[in-house]
């Protein structure tokens, strides 16, 4: 397959990687949540997941921005 914009492949691979990791995290969360013993345990698991999710989201956004910046710079330099 010929890709008109080669940098798109890297961006797409990163997006797939983020989606895969988010799915793994969500499945682990649901498994842990299903084993909650009481409301305090349920709340703790939810809060921990929310904190982990926000941290992951910001890390993914930072990585994505860096990848886009590098890809844009390469695109500008190439003929």
N, C-alpha and C. Protein backbone atom coordinates (compact mmCIF):
# COMPACT_ATOMS: atom_id res chain seq x y z
N UNK A 1 0.84 -1.18 0.00
CA UNK A 1 0.00 0.00 0.00
C UNK A 1 0.88 1.24 0.00
N UNK A 2 0.60 2.12 -0.89
CA UNK A 2 1.34 3.37 -1.00
C UNK A 2 0.68 4.41 -0.10
N UNK A 3 1.49 4.99 0.76
CA UNK A 3 0.97 6.01 1.66
C UNK A 3 1.41 7.37 1.14
N UNK A 4 0.45 8.22 0.86
CA UNK A 4 0.77 9.55 0.32
C UNK A 4 1.53 10.39 1.33
N UNK A 5 1.23 10.21 2.57
CA UNK A 5 1.91 10.95 3.63
C UNK A 5 2.51 9.94 4.61
N UNK A 6 3.79 9.62 4.46
CA UNK A 6 4.40 8.57 5.28
C UNK A 6 4.33 8.82 6.79
N UNK A 7 4.29 10.07 7.19
CA UNK A 7 4.23 10.39 8.61
C UNK A 7 2.93 9.93 9.25
N UNK A 8 1.91 9.73 8.43
CA UNK A 8 0.62 9.28 8.95
C UNK A 8 0.74 7.88 9.57
N UNK A 9 1.60 7.05 9.00
CA UNK A 9 1.77 5.69 9.53
C UNK A 9 2.26 5.72 10.97
N UNK A 10 3.21 6.60 11.28
CA UNK A 10 3.71 6.71 12.64
C UNK A 10 2.63 7.21 13.59
N UNK A 11 1.91 8.21 13.16
CA UNK A 11 0.83 8.76 13.99
C UNK A 11 -0.25 7.70 14.22
N UNK A 12 -0.62 6.97 13.18
CA UNK A 12 -1.64 5.92 13.30
C UNK A 12 -1.17 4.81 14.24
N UNK A 13 0.11 4.45 14.15
CA UNK A 13 0.64 3.41 15.04
C UNK A 13 0.61 3.87 16.50
N UNK A 14 0.93 5.12 16.73
CA UNK A 14 0.88 5.66 18.09
C UNK A 14 -0.56 5.66 18.61
N UNK A 15 -1.49 6.08 17.78
CA UNK A 15 -2.90 6.11 18.19
C UNK A 15 -3.39 4.70 18.52
N UNK A 16 -2.98 3.72 17.72
CA UNK A 16 -3.37 2.33 17.98
C UNK A 16 -2.78 1.86 19.31
N UNK A 17 -1.53 2.24 19.56
CA UNK A 17 -0.87 1.88 20.81
C UNK A 17 -1.60 2.47 22.01
N UNK A 18 -2.01 3.73 21.89
CA UNK A 18 -2.76 4.37 22.98
C UNK A 18 -4.09 3.64 23.21
N UNK A 19 -4.78 3.33 22.13
CA UNK A 19 -6.07 2.64 22.25
C UNK A 19 -5.90 1.26 22.89
N UNK A 20 -4.87 0.55 22.48
CA UNK A 20 -4.60 -0.77 23.06
C UNK A 20 -4.35 -0.67 24.56
N UNK A 21 -3.51 0.28 24.96
CA UNK A 21 -3.20 0.44 26.38
C UNK A 21 -4.43 0.87 27.17
N UNK A 22 -5.24 1.75 26.60
CA UNK A 22 -6.45 2.19 27.28
C UNK A 22 -7.43 1.04 27.47
N UNK A 23 -7.51 0.16 26.49
CA UNK A 23 -8.39 -1.00 26.60
C UNK A 23 -7.90 -1.94 27.69
N UNK A 24 -6.60 -2.21 27.72
CA UNK A 24 -6.02 -3.07 28.76
C UNK A 24 -6.31 -2.48 30.14
N UNK A 25 -6.11 -1.17 30.29
CA UNK A 25 -6.37 -0.50 31.57
C UNK A 25 -7.84 -0.59 31.96
N UNK A 26 -8.74 -0.40 31.00
CA UNK A 26 -10.18 -0.45 31.29
C UNK A 26 -10.61 -1.86 31.70
N UNK A 27 -10.06 -2.86 31.05
CA UNK A 27 -10.40 -4.24 31.41
C UNK A 27 -9.88 -4.58 32.81
N UNK A 28 -8.67 -4.13 33.12
CA UNK A 28 -8.13 -4.35 34.47
C UNK A 28 -8.98 -3.64 35.51
N UNK A 29 -9.42 -2.43 35.19
CA UNK A 29 -10.29 -1.67 36.09
C UNK A 29 -11.60 -2.41 36.33
N UNK A 30 -12.21 -2.89 35.27
CA UNK A 30 -13.50 -3.57 35.44
C UNK A 30 -13.34 -4.86 36.24
N UNK A 31 -12.23 -5.56 36.03
CA UNK A 31 -11.97 -6.78 36.78
C UNK A 31 -11.78 -6.45 38.27
N UNK A 32 -11.00 -5.41 38.55
CA UNK A 32 -10.77 -5.03 39.94
C UNK A 32 -12.05 -4.51 40.58
N UNK A 33 -12.80 -3.73 39.84
CA UNK A 33 -14.05 -3.18 40.37
C UNK A 33 -15.05 -4.28 40.70
N UNK A 34 -15.07 -5.31 39.89
CA UNK A 34 -16.02 -6.41 40.14
C UNK A 34 -15.68 -7.17 41.42
N UNK A 35 -14.47 -6.97 41.94
CA UNK A 35 -14.06 -7.66 43.16
C UNK A 35 -14.13 -6.76 44.40
N UNK A 36 -14.71 -5.58 44.26
CA UNK A 36 -14.84 -4.66 45.39
C UNK A 36 -15.69 -5.31 46.48
N UNK A 37 -15.23 -5.17 47.72
CA UNK A 37 -15.91 -5.81 48.84
C UNK A 37 -16.97 -4.93 49.49
N UNK A 38 -16.79 -3.62 49.38
CA UNK A 38 -17.75 -2.69 49.97
C UNK A 38 -17.67 -1.36 49.24
N UNK A 39 -18.46 -0.39 49.69
CA UNK A 39 -18.53 0.91 49.00
C UNK A 39 -17.20 1.66 49.09
N UNK A 40 -16.48 1.52 50.20
CA UNK A 40 -15.20 2.18 50.33
C UNK A 40 -14.20 1.62 49.32
N UNK A 41 -14.19 0.31 49.18
CA UNK A 41 -13.31 -0.34 48.21
C UNK A 41 -13.69 0.07 46.79
N UNK A 42 -14.99 0.11 46.52
CA UNK A 42 -15.51 0.53 45.23
C UNK A 42 -15.05 1.96 44.91
N UNK A 43 -15.18 2.85 45.89
CA UNK A 43 -14.79 4.25 45.70
C UNK A 43 -13.29 4.37 45.50
N UNK A 44 -12.49 3.67 46.29
CA UNK A 44 -11.03 3.70 46.16
C UNK A 44 -10.60 3.26 44.77
N UNK A 45 -11.18 2.18 44.29
CA UNK A 45 -10.84 1.66 42.96
C UNK A 45 -11.20 2.69 41.88
N UNK A 46 -12.36 3.32 42.01
CA UNK A 46 -12.77 4.34 41.04
C UNK A 46 -11.84 5.54 41.06
N UNK A 47 -11.47 6.00 42.23
CA UNK A 47 -10.59 7.18 42.34
C UNK A 47 -9.22 6.85 41.77
N UNK A 48 -8.68 5.68 42.10
CA UNK A 48 -7.38 5.28 41.58
C UNK A 48 -7.39 5.18 40.05
N UNK A 49 -8.47 4.62 39.51
CA UNK A 49 -8.58 4.51 38.06
C UNK A 49 -8.67 5.88 37.40
N UNK A 50 -9.44 6.78 38.00
CA UNK A 50 -9.56 8.13 37.44
C UNK A 50 -8.20 8.83 37.45
N UNK A 51 -7.46 8.72 38.55
CA UNK A 51 -6.14 9.34 38.62
C UNK A 51 -5.20 8.75 37.58
N UNK A 52 -5.21 7.43 37.47
CA UNK A 52 -4.34 6.76 36.49
C UNK A 52 -4.74 7.15 35.06
N UNK A 53 -6.04 7.25 34.82
CA UNK A 53 -6.53 7.61 33.48
C UNK A 53 -6.10 9.02 33.09
N UNK A 54 -6.23 9.97 34.01
CA UNK A 54 -5.82 11.34 33.70
C UNK A 54 -4.31 11.42 33.46
N UNK A 55 -3.54 10.72 34.28
CA UNK A 55 -2.08 10.73 34.10
C UNK A 55 -1.73 10.13 32.73
N UNK A 56 -2.37 9.03 32.40
CA UNK A 56 -2.12 8.37 31.12
C UNK A 56 -2.53 9.27 29.95
N UNK A 57 -3.66 9.93 30.08
CA UNK A 57 -4.15 10.81 29.02
C UNK A 57 -3.14 11.94 28.76
N UNK A 58 -2.63 12.54 29.83
CA UNK A 58 -1.68 13.64 29.66
C UNK A 58 -0.35 13.14 29.08
N UNK A 59 0.09 11.96 29.48
CA UNK A 59 1.32 11.39 28.92
C UNK A 59 1.13 11.08 27.43
N UNK A 60 -0.02 10.53 27.08
CA UNK A 60 -0.30 10.22 25.68
C UNK A 60 -0.39 11.51 24.86
N UNK A 61 -1.01 12.53 25.41
CA UNK A 61 -1.13 13.81 24.70
C UNK A 61 0.25 14.42 24.47
N UNK A 62 1.10 14.36 25.47
CA UNK A 62 2.46 14.89 25.34
C UNK A 62 3.23 14.12 24.26
N UNK A 63 3.15 12.79 24.32
CA UNK A 63 3.83 11.95 23.33
C UNK A 63 3.30 12.23 21.93
N UNK A 64 1.99 12.36 21.80
CA UNK A 64 1.36 12.62 20.51
C UNK A 64 1.80 13.97 19.95
N UNK A 65 1.84 14.98 20.80
CA UNK A 65 2.27 16.30 20.36
C UNK A 65 3.72 16.26 19.88
N UNK A 66 4.58 15.57 20.62
CA UNK A 66 5.98 15.45 20.21
C UNK A 66 6.09 14.73 18.86
N UNK A 67 5.31 13.66 18.69
CA UNK A 67 5.34 12.91 17.44
C UNK A 67 4.85 13.76 16.27
N UNK A 68 3.80 14.53 16.50
CA UNK A 68 3.28 15.41 15.44
C UNK A 68 4.29 16.49 15.08
N UNK A 69 4.97 17.02 16.08
CA UNK A 69 5.97 18.06 15.84
C UNK A 69 7.12 17.51 15.01
N UNK A 70 7.60 16.32 15.36
CA UNK A 70 8.69 15.69 14.61
C UNK A 70 8.23 15.38 13.19
N UNK A 71 7.03 14.83 13.05
CA UNK A 71 6.51 14.49 11.72
C UNK A 71 6.33 15.73 10.85
N UNK A 72 5.84 16.79 11.45
CA UNK A 72 5.65 18.03 10.69
C UNK A 72 7.00 18.60 10.24
N UNK A 73 7.98 18.53 11.12
CA UNK A 73 9.31 19.03 10.76
C UNK A 73 9.90 18.22 9.62
N UNK A 74 9.73 16.89 9.65
CA UNK A 74 10.21 16.04 8.57
C UNK A 74 9.48 16.35 7.26
N UNK A 75 8.19 16.56 7.35
CA UNK A 75 7.39 16.84 6.16
C UNK A 75 7.81 18.15 5.51
N UNK A 76 8.13 19.11 6.33
CA UNK A 76 8.54 20.42 5.81
C UNK A 76 9.90 20.32 5.12
N UNK A 77 10.80 19.52 5.68
CA UNK A 77 12.14 19.40 5.13
C UNK A 77 12.20 18.54 3.87
N UNK A 78 11.29 17.57 3.74
CA UNK A 78 11.34 16.69 2.58
C UNK A 78 10.75 17.38 1.35
N UNK A 79 11.30 17.04 0.17
CA UNK A 79 10.83 17.69 -1.07
C UNK A 79 9.44 17.28 -1.47
